[in-house]
Amino acid sequence: MNLTKITDALVADLGQLTFGPPVTHVYNPLEYARPAYDHYLARYAGTTKEIILLGMNPGPWGMAQTGVPFGEIDMVKTWLGIQAKVSRPDGEHPKRPVMGFDCTRSEVSGKRLWGWVQETFETPDRFFRRYFVANYCPLMFMEESGRNRTPNNLRAAERKPLLAACDRALVRTVRQLSPQYVIGVGRFAADRARTALGGLDVKIARISHPSPANPKANRGWARLIRTELSDMGIRL
């Protein structure tokens, strides 16, 4: 099963789920921003990988706008070379509009991650020969105020089928890309990888999240990540 079919199956699984208060809005960029995500797969996921960097779920000014994991708009357009038509999600939250590649906001986490990649590897092709960046869950959850609600904070009855669907997609992705490492960007993604991939021959690790909510990231995330990857024995 290639990554396009894995994505199709995940979208179908997630389309059957419902979420209630305090969640009032749910975005799935694999639906309304699918052309950009398909471009990302076609351009950068055609070979096996040594390392998958696994995020949690979309941010409002990153993947929610571009369809690309950690997809800070300027980095996706100017460095990854991806730009495509993005539709509007059904039931759009008035405080979290989807403007696609016309959005003028910048997502700090994505800018830090892809900025580190650009600084370290210089070209996308050099990076993607060894690495791939994915998100564990493609859904973004919002409360009435516009506040994000992360998957781990959903009600148990909603969380269980969501995690089951995302686990299946992660297992299929790892079997397709055959990485040596799956590295969670943050604790949640690493924990889900350990749970989902327990029976597979792959090493699970974790690096610090680039979010500004993480104090360590604000003191130089790129330097921190180089140290963390080096401590794992991963050469850059």
C-alpha atoms as a PDB file:
ATOM      1  CA  MET A   1       0.000   0.000   0.000  1.00  0.00           C
ATOM      2  CA  ASN A   2       1.664   3.262  -1.098  1.00  0.00           C
ATOM      3  CA  LEU A   3       1.378   6.509   0.858  1.00  0.00           C
ATOM      4  CA  THR A   4      -1.419   7.871  -1.309  1.00  0.00           C
ATOM      5  CA  LYS A   5      -3.560   4.818  -0.590  1.00  0.00           C
ATOM      6  CA  ILE A   6      -2.560   4.924   3.092  1.00  0.00           C
ATOM      7  CA  THR A   7      -3.775   8.527   3.173  1.00  0.00           C
ATOM      8  CA  ASP A   8      -7.028   7.596   1.438  1.00  0.00           C
ATOM      9  CA  ALA A   9      -7.686   4.881   4.011  1.00  0.00           C
ATOM     10  CA  LEU A  10      -6.906   7.222   6.908  1.00  0.00           C
ATOM     11  CA  VAL A  11      -9.206   9.933   5.560  1.00  0.00           C
ATOM     12  CA  ALA A  12     -11.997   7.367   5.177  1.00  0.00           C
ATOM     13  CA  ASP A  13     -11.480   6.090   8.736  1.00  0.00           C
ATOM     14  CA  LEU A  14     -11.450   9.579  10.215  1.00  0.00           C
ATOM     15  CA  GLY A  15     -14.514  10.607   8.242  1.00  0.00           C
ATOM     16  CA  GLN A  16     -16.591   8.195  10.314  1.00  0.00           C
ATOM     17  CA  LEU A  17     -15.666   9.810  13.642  1.00  0.00           C
ATOM     18  CA  THR A  18     -17.559  12.512  15.509  1.00  0.00           C
ATOM     19  CA  PHE A  19     -16.405  14.871  18.247  1.00  0.00           C
ATOM     20  CA  GLY A  20     -18.402  16.811  20.792  1.00  0.00           C
ATOM     21  CA  PRO A  21     -17.915  19.639  23.285  1.00  0.00           C
ATOM     22  CA  PRO A  22     -15.609  21.211  24.182  1.00  0.00           C
ATOM     23  CA  VAL A  23     -14.539  20.569  20.561  1.00  0.00           C
ATOM     24  CA  THR A  24     -16.692  22.633  18.227  1.00  0.00           C
ATOM     25  CA  HIS A  25     -14.672  22.564  14.974  1.00  0.00           C
ATOM     26  CA  VAL A  26     -12.476  19.921  13.332  1.00  0.00           C
ATOM     27  CA  TYR A  27     -10.240  20.533  10.305  1.00  0.00           C
ATOM     28  CA  ASN A  28      -8.785  17.782   8.135  1.00  0.00           C
ATOM     29  CA  PRO A  29      -6.263  19.312   5.714  1.00  0.00           C
ATOM     30  CA  LEU A  30      -5.869  15.909   4.053  1.00  0.00           C
ATOM     31  CA  GLU A  31      -9.281  16.693   2.583  1.00  0.00           C
ATOM     32  CA  TYR A  32      -9.371  20.415   1.746  1.00  0.00           C
ATOM     33  CA  ALA A  33      -5.591  20.796   1.137  1.00  0.00           C
ATOM     34  CA  ARG A  34      -5.069  17.393  -0.460  1.00  0.00           C
ATOM     35  CA  PRO A  35      -3.443  18.644  -3.715  1.00  0.00           C
ATOM     36  CA  ALA A  36      -0.569  20.187  -1.735  1.00  0.00           C
ATOM     37  CA  TYR A  37      -0.149  17.065   0.403  1.00  0.00           C
ATOM     38  CA  ASP A  38      -0.179  14.857  -2.699  1.00  0.00           C
ATOM     39  CA  HIS A  39       2.518  17.079  -4.199  1.00  0.00           C
ATOM     40  CA  TYR A  40       4.559  16.656  -1.012  1.00  0.00           C
ATOM     41  CA  LEU A  41       4.237  12.855  -1.233  1.00  0.00           C
ATOM     42  CA  ALA A  42       4.987  12.702  -4.941  1.00  0.00           C
ATOM     43  CA  ARG A  43       8.066  14.897  -4.638  1.00  0.00           C
ATOM     44  CA  TYR A  44       9.585  13.681  -1.396  1.00  0.00           C
ATOM     45  CA  ALA A  45       8.210  10.259  -0.380  1.00  0.00           C
ATOM     46  CA  GLY A  46       9.168   8.130  -3.345  1.00  0.00           C
ATOM     47  CA  THR A  47      12.004   6.233  -1.651  1.00  0.00           C
ATOM     48  CA  THR A  48      12.651   4.380   1.580  1.00  0.00           C
ATOM     49  CA  LYS A  49      13.934   6.538   4.448  1.00  0.00           C
ATOM     50  CA  GLU A  50      16.392   6.197   7.275  1.00  0.00           C
ATOM     51  CA  ILE A  51      14.453   8.439   9.663  1.00  0.00           C
ATOM     52  CA  ILE A  52      10.858   9.597  10.043  1.00  0.00           C
ATOM     53  CA  LEU A  53      10.313  12.739  12.106  1.00  0.00           C
ATOM     54  CA  LEU A  54       6.809  12.403  13.531  1.00  0.00           C
ATOM     55  CA  GLY A  55       4.770  15.376  14.727  1.00  0.00           C
ATOM     56  CA  MET A  56       1.511  15.315  16.665  1.00  0.00           C
ATOM     57  CA  ASN A  57      -1.147  17.113  14.586  1.00  0.00           C
ATOM     58  CA  PRO A  58      -1.570  20.278  12.494  1.00  0.00           C
ATOM     59  CA  GLY A  59      -1.085  23.798  13.748  1.00  0.00           C
ATOM     60  CA  PRO A  60      -3.491  26.550  12.666  1.00  0.00           C
ATOM     61  CA  TRP A  61      -0.924  28.485  10.614  1.00  0.00           C
ATOM     62  CA  GLY A  62       1.047  25.506   9.313  1.00  0.00           C
ATOM     63  CA  MET A  63      -0.393  22.248   8.017  1.00  0.00           C
ATOM     64  CA  ALA A  64      -3.924  23.593   8.481  1.00  0.00           C
ATOM     65  CA  GLN A  65      -3.089  26.133   5.757  1.00  0.00           C
ATOM     66  CA  THR A  66      -0.718  24.224   3.469  1.00  0.00           C
ATOM     67  CA  GLY A  67      -1.482  20.519   3.937  1.00  0.00           C
ATOM     68  CA  VAL A  68       2.215  19.839   4.647  1.00  0.00           C
ATOM     69  CA  PRO A  69       3.360  18.653   8.108  1.00  0.00           C
ATOM     70  CA  PHE A  70       4.855  21.578  10.074  1.00  0.00           C
ATOM     71  CA  GLY A  71       4.057  23.451   6.869  1.00  0.00           C
ATOM     72  CA  GLU A  72       5.000  27.053   7.602  1.00  0.00           C
ATOM     73  CA  ILE A  73       3.796  28.845   4.515  1.00  0.00           C
ATOM     74  CA  ASP A  74       6.930  30.625   3.334  1.00  0.00           C
ATOM     75  CA  MET A  75       9.130  27.542   3.824  1.00  0.00           C
ATOM     76  CA  VAL A  76       6.681  25.327   1.941  1.00  0.00           C
ATOM     77  CA  LYS A  77       6.460  27.728  -0.984  1.00  0.00           C
ATOM     78  CA  THR A  78      10.023  28.953  -1.311  1.00  0.00           C
ATOM     79  CA  TRP A  79      12.112  26.034  -0.070  1.00  0.00           C
ATOM     80  CA  LEU A  80      10.037  22.901  -0.561  1.00  0.00           C
ATOM     81  CA  GLY A  81       8.679  24.304  -3.812  1.00  0.00           C
ATOM     82  CA  ILE A  82       5.076  23.359  -3.123  1.00  0.00           C
ATOM     83  CA  GLN A  83       2.081  25.545  -3.833  1.00  0.00           C
ATOM     84  CA  ALA A  84      -1.411  24.346  -4.699  1.00  0.00           C
ATOM     85  CA  LYS A  85      -5.046  25.300  -4.474  1.00  0.00           C
ATOM     86  CA  VAL A  86      -6.445  24.949  -0.957  1.00  0.00           C
ATOM     87  CA  SER A  87     -10.197  24.819  -0.410  1.00  0.00           C
ATOM     88  CA  ARG A  88     -12.058  25.957   2.694  1.00  0.00           C
ATOM     89  CA  PRO A  89     -13.007  23.352   5.314  1.00  0.00           C
ATOM     90  CA  ASP A  90     -16.642  22.728   6.094  1.00  0.00           C
ATOM     91  CA  GLY A  91     -17.722  24.487   9.274  1.00  0.00           C
ATOM     92  CA  GLU A  92     -14.805  26.917   9.306  1.00  0.00           C
ATOM     93  CA  HIS A  93     -14.033  28.555  12.643  1.00  0.00           C
ATOM     94  CA  PRO A  94     -14.266  32.366  12.326  1.00  0.00           C
ATOM     95  CA  LYS A  95     -11.100  32.803  14.403  1.00  0.00           C
ATOM     96  CA  ARG A  96      -9.135  30.191  12.441  1.00  0.00           C
ATOM     97  CA  PRO A  97      -9.769  30.980   8.770  1.00  0.00           C
ATOM     98  CA  VAL A  98      -8.075  28.867   6.129  1.00  0.00           C
ATOM     99  CA  MET A  99      -6.478  31.137   3.543  1.00  0.00           C
ATOM    100  CA  GLY A 100      -4.143  28.508   2.148  1.00  0.00           C
ATOM    101  CA  PHE A 101      -0.973  29.873   0.590  1.00  0.00           C
ATOM    102  CA  ASP A 102      -2.365  33.410   0.829  1.00  0.00           C
ATOM    103  CA  CYS A 103      -2.238  33.266   4.632  1.00  0.00           C
ATOM    104  CA  THR A 104       0.085  35.917   6.068  1.00  0.00           C
ATOM    105  CA  ARG A 105       0.553  34.288   9.475  1.00  0.00           C
ATOM    106  CA  SER A 106       3.676  32.256  10.261  1.00  0.00           C
ATOM    107  CA  GLU A 107       3.799  29.136  12.425  1.00  0.00           C
ATOM    108  CA  VAL A 108       6.801  29.249  14.756  1.00  0.00           C
ATOM    109  CA  SER A 109       7.141  25.466  15.110  1.00  0.00           C
ATOM    110  CA  GLY A 110       7.195  24.936  11.360  1.00  0.00           C
ATOM    111  CA  LYS A 111       9.555  27.814  10.733  1.00  0.00           C
ATOM    112  CA  ARG A 112      11.981  26.425  13.304  1.00  0.00           C
ATOM    113  CA  LEU A 113      11.804  22.845  12.034  1.00  0.00           C
ATOM    114  CA  TRP A 114      12.108  23.566   8.317  1.00  0.00           C
ATOM    115  CA  GLY A 115      14.579  26.378   9.010  1.00  0.00           C
ATOM    116  CA  TRP A 116      16.839  23.886  10.791  1.00  0.00           C
ATOM    117  CA  VAL A 117      16.442  21.460   7.893  1.00  0.00           C
ATOM    118  CA  GLN A 118      17.376  24.154   5.369  1.00  0.00           C
ATOM    119  CA  GLU A 119      20.372  25.320   7.395  1.00  0.00           C
ATOM    120  CA  THR A 120      21.625  21.772   7.966  1.00  0.00           C
ATOM    121  CA  PHE A 121      20.980  20.086   4.620  1.00  0.00           C
ATOM    122  CA  GLU A 122      20.899  23.096   2.252  1.00  0.00           C
ATOM    123  CA  THR A 123      18.606  21.439  -0.306  1.00  0.00           C
ATOM    124  CA  PRO A 124      15.356  19.471   0.110  1.00  0.00           C
ATOM    125  CA  ASP A 125      16.739  16.572  -1.920  1.00  0.00           C
ATOM    126  CA  ARG A 126      19.662  16.099   0.493  1.00  0.00           C
ATOM    127  CA  PHE A 127      17.281  16.025   3.453  1.00  0.00           C
ATOM    128  CA  PHE A 128      14.637  13.762   1.948  1.00  0.00           C
ATOM    129  CA  ARG A 129      17.176  11.188   0.788  1.00  0.00           C
ATOM    130  CA  ARG A 130      17.333  10.136   4.453  1.00  0.00           C
ATOM    131  CA  TYR A 131      14.395  11.781   6.223  1.00  0.00           C
ATOM    132  CA  PHE A 132      10.654  12.190   5.960  1.00  0.00           C
ATOM    133  CA  VAL A 133       8.401  14.447   8.050  1.00  0.00           C
ATOM    134  CA  ALA A 134       4.917  13.216   8.943  1.00  0.00           C
ATOM    135  CA  ASN A 135       2.167  13.955  11.423  1.00  0.00           C
ATOM    136  CA  TYR A 136       0.682  11.220  13.563  1.00  0.00           C
ATOM    137  CA  CYS A 137      -2.824  12.733  13.432  1.00  0.00           C
ATOM    138  CA  PRO A 138      -3.962  14.946  10.546  1.00  0.00           C
ATOM    139  CA  LEU A 139      -6.893  16.507  12.400  1.00  0.00           C
ATOM    140  CA  MET A 140      -6.888  19.882  14.131  1.00  0.00           C
ATOM    141  CA  PHE A 141      -9.390  20.303  16.965  1.00  0.00           C
ATOM    142  CA  MET A 142     -10.696  23.672  18.145  1.00  0.00           C
ATOM    143  CA  GLU A 143     -12.894  24.846  20.957  1.00  0.00           C
ATOM    144  CA  GLU A 144     -15.524  27.586  20.595  1.00  0.00           C
ATOM    145  CA  SER A 145     -12.966  30.216  21.654  1.00  0.00           C
ATOM    146  CA  GLY A 146     -10.622  29.135  18.846  1.00  0.00           C
ATOM    147  CA  ARG A 147      -8.250  27.475  21.288  1.00  0.00           C
ATOM    148  CA  ASN A 148      -6.553  24.310  20.012  1.00  0.00           C
ATOM    149  CA  ARG A 149      -7.386  21.063  21.759  1.00  0.00           C
ATOM    150  CA  THR A 150      -4.728  18.406  21.288  1.00  0.00           C
ATOM    151  CA  PRO A 151      -5.652  14.760  20.570  1.00  0.00           C
ATOM    152  CA  ASN A 152      -4.456  13.562  23.982  1.00  0.00           C
ATOM    153  CA  ASN A 153      -7.002  15.883  25.633  1.00  0.00           C
ATOM    154  CA  LEU A 154     -10.045  14.537  23.823  1.00  0.00           C
ATOM    155  CA  ARG A 155     -12.646  12.563  25.735  1.00  0.00           C
ATOM    156  CA  ALA A 156     -11.710   8.894  26.060  1.00  0.00           C
ATOM    157  CA  ALA A 157     -14.637   7.677  23.945  1.00  0.00           C
ATOM    158  CA  GLU A 158     -13.519   9.964  21.099  1.00  0.00           C
ATOM    159  CA  ARG A 159      -9.807   9.448  21.564  1.00  0.00           C
ATOM    160  CA  LYS A 160      -9.825   5.643  21.334  1.00  0.00           C
ATOM    161  CA  PRO A 161     -11.088   5.266  17.729  1.00  0.00           C
ATOM    162  CA  LEU A 162      -9.015   8.262  16.630  1.00  0.00           C
ATOM    163  CA  LEU A 163      -5.799   6.741  17.957  1.00  0.00           C
ATOM    164  CA  ALA A 164      -6.678   3.358  16.467  1.00  0.00           C
ATOM    165  CA  ALA A 165      -7.052   4.889  12.989  1.00  0.00           C
ATOM    166  CA  CYS A 166      -3.855   6.918  13.299  1.00  0.00           C
ATOM    167  CA  ASP A 167      -1.948   3.912  14.644  1.00  0.00           C
ATOM    168  CA  ARG A 168      -2.975   1.875  11.598  1.00  0.00           C
ATOM    169  CA  ALA A 169      -1.820   4.605   9.251  1.00  0.00           C
ATOM    170  CA  LEU A 170       1.501   4.953  11.071  1.00  0.00           C
ATOM    171  CA  VAL A 171       2.188   1.218  10.902  1.00  0.00           C
ATOM    172  CA  ARG A 172       1.422   1.206   7.171  1.00  0.00           C
ATOM    173  CA  THR A 173       3.632   4.243   6.614  1.00  0.00           C
ATOM    174  CA  VAL A 174       6.552   2.657   8.438  1.00  0.00           C
ATOM    175  CA  ARG A 175       6.174  -0.566   6.478  1.00  0.00           C
ATOM    176  CA  GLN A 176       6.174   1.446   3.252  1.00  0.00           C
ATOM    177  CA  LEU A 177       9.173   3.676   4.057  1.00  0.00           C
ATOM    178  CA  SER A 178      11.176   1.087   6.073  1.00  0.00           C
ATOM    179  CA  PRO A 179      12.954   3.567   8.372  1.00  0.00           C
ATOM    180  CA  GLN A 180      15.554   2.620  10.962  1.00  0.00           C
ATOM    181  CA  TYR A 181      14.240   5.320  13.302  1.00  0.00           C
ATOM    182  CA  VAL A 182      10.892   6.935  14.043  1.00  0.00           C
ATOM    183  CA  ILE A 183      11.601  10.049  16.081  1.00  0.00           C
ATOM    184  CA  GLY A 184       8.705  11.735  17.807  1.00  0.00           C
ATOM    185  CA  VAL A 185       8.825  15.508  17.766  1.00  0.00           C
ATOM    186  CA  GLY A 186       7.647  15.885  21.343  1.00  0.00           C
ATOM    187  CA  ARG A 187       6.461  13.382  23.926  1.00  0.00           C
ATOM    188  CA  PHE A 188       3.000  12.602  22.537  1.00  0.00           C
ATOM    189  CA  ALA A 189       4.231  11.544  19.099  1.00  0.00           C
ATOM    190  CA  ALA A 190       7.031   9.440  20.566  1.00  0.00           C
ATOM    191  CA  ASP A 191       4.630   7.698  22.949  1.00  0.00           C
ATOM    192  CA  ARG A 192       2.176   6.917  20.143  1.00  0.00           C
ATOM    193  CA  ALA A 193       5.011   5.557  17.996  1.00  0.00           C
ATOM    194  CA  ARG A 194       6.099   3.231  20.817  1.00  0.00           C
ATOM    195  CA  THR A 195       2.535   1.969  21.201  1.00  0.00           C
ATOM    196  CA  ALA A 196       1.725   1.563  17.517  1.00  0.00           C
ATOM    197  CA  LEU A 197       5.076   0.196  16.322  1.00  0.00           C
ATOM    198  CA  GLY A 198       5.915  -2.160  19.161  1.00  0.00           C
ATOM    199  CA  GLY A 199       6.019  -5.221  16.917  1.00  0.00           C
ATOM    200  CA  LEU A 200       8.149  -3.687  14.162  1.00  0.00           C
ATOM    201  CA  ASP A 201      11.925  -3.591  13.753  1.00  0.00           C
ATOM    202  CA  VAL A 202      12.363   0.154  14.176  1.00  0.00           C
ATOM    203  CA  LYS A 203      14.007   2.315  16.830  1.00  0.00           C
ATOM    204  CA  ILE A 204      11.768   4.851  18.573  1.00  0.00           C
ATOM    205  CA  ALA A 205      13.196   8.063  19.991  1.00  0.00           C
ATOM    206  CA  ARG A 206      12.158  11.604  20.855  1.00  0.00           C
ATOM    207  CA  ILE A 207      13.428  15.117  20.208  1.00  0.00           C
ATOM    208  CA  SER A 208      12.245  18.337  21.805  1.00  0.00           C
ATOM    209  CA  HIS A 209       9.274  20.076  20.218  1.00  0.00           C
ATOM    210  CA  PRO A 210      10.019  23.424  18.500  1.00  0.00           C
ATOM    211  CA  SER A 211       6.891  25.077  19.900  1.00  0.00           C
ATOM    212  CA  PRO A 212       7.374  28.432  21.678  1.00  0.00           C
ATOM    213  CA  ALA A 213       5.461  26.803  24.552  1.00  0.00           C
ATOM    214  CA  ASN A 214       8.603  24.718  25.138  1.00  0.00           C
ATOM    215  CA  PRO A 215      11.115  26.909  27.060  1.00  0.00           C
ATOM    216  CA  LYS A 216      14.087  24.852  25.855  1.00  0.00           C
ATOM    217  CA  ALA A 217      13.109  25.487  22.236  1.00  0.00           C
ATOM    218  CA  ASN A 218      13.200  29.235  22.795  1.00  0.00           C
ATOM    219  CA  ARG A 219      16.857  29.090  23.793  1.00  0.00           C
ATOM    220  CA  GLY A 220      18.017  27.757  20.416  1.00  0.00           C
ATOM    221  CA  TRP A 221      16.022  24.816  19.037  1.00  0.00           C
ATOM    222  CA  ALA A 222      18.363  24.082  16.131  1.00  0.00           C
ATOM    223  CA  ARG A 223      21.374  23.733  18.420  1.00  0.00           C
ATOM    224  CA  LEU A 224      19.348  21.605  20.841  1.00  0.00           C
ATOM    225  CA  ILE A 225      18.184  19.227  18.109  1.00  0.00           C
ATOM    226  CA  ARG A 226      21.672  18.755  16.709  1.00  0.00           C
ATOM    227  CA  THR A 227      22.782  17.687  20.179  1.00  0.00           C
ATOM    228  CA  GLU A 228      19.808  15.373  20.722  1.00  0.00           C
ATOM    229  CA  LEU A 229      20.247  13.640  17.370  1.00  0.00           C
ATOM    230  CA  SER A 230      23.999  13.309  17.918  1.00  0.00           C
ATOM    231  CA  ASP A 231      23.351  11.689  21.302  1.00  0.00           C
ATOM    232  CA  MET A 232      21.224   9.075  19.471  1.00  0.00           C
ATOM    233  CA  GLY A 233      24.145   8.318  17.169  1.00  0.00           C
ATOM    234  CA  ILE A 234      22.501   9.953  14.155  1.00  0.00           C
ATOM    235  CA  ARG A 235      24.948  11.807  11.950  1.00  0.00           C
ATOM    236  CA  LEU A 236      23.872  14.954  10.181  1.00  0.00           C
END
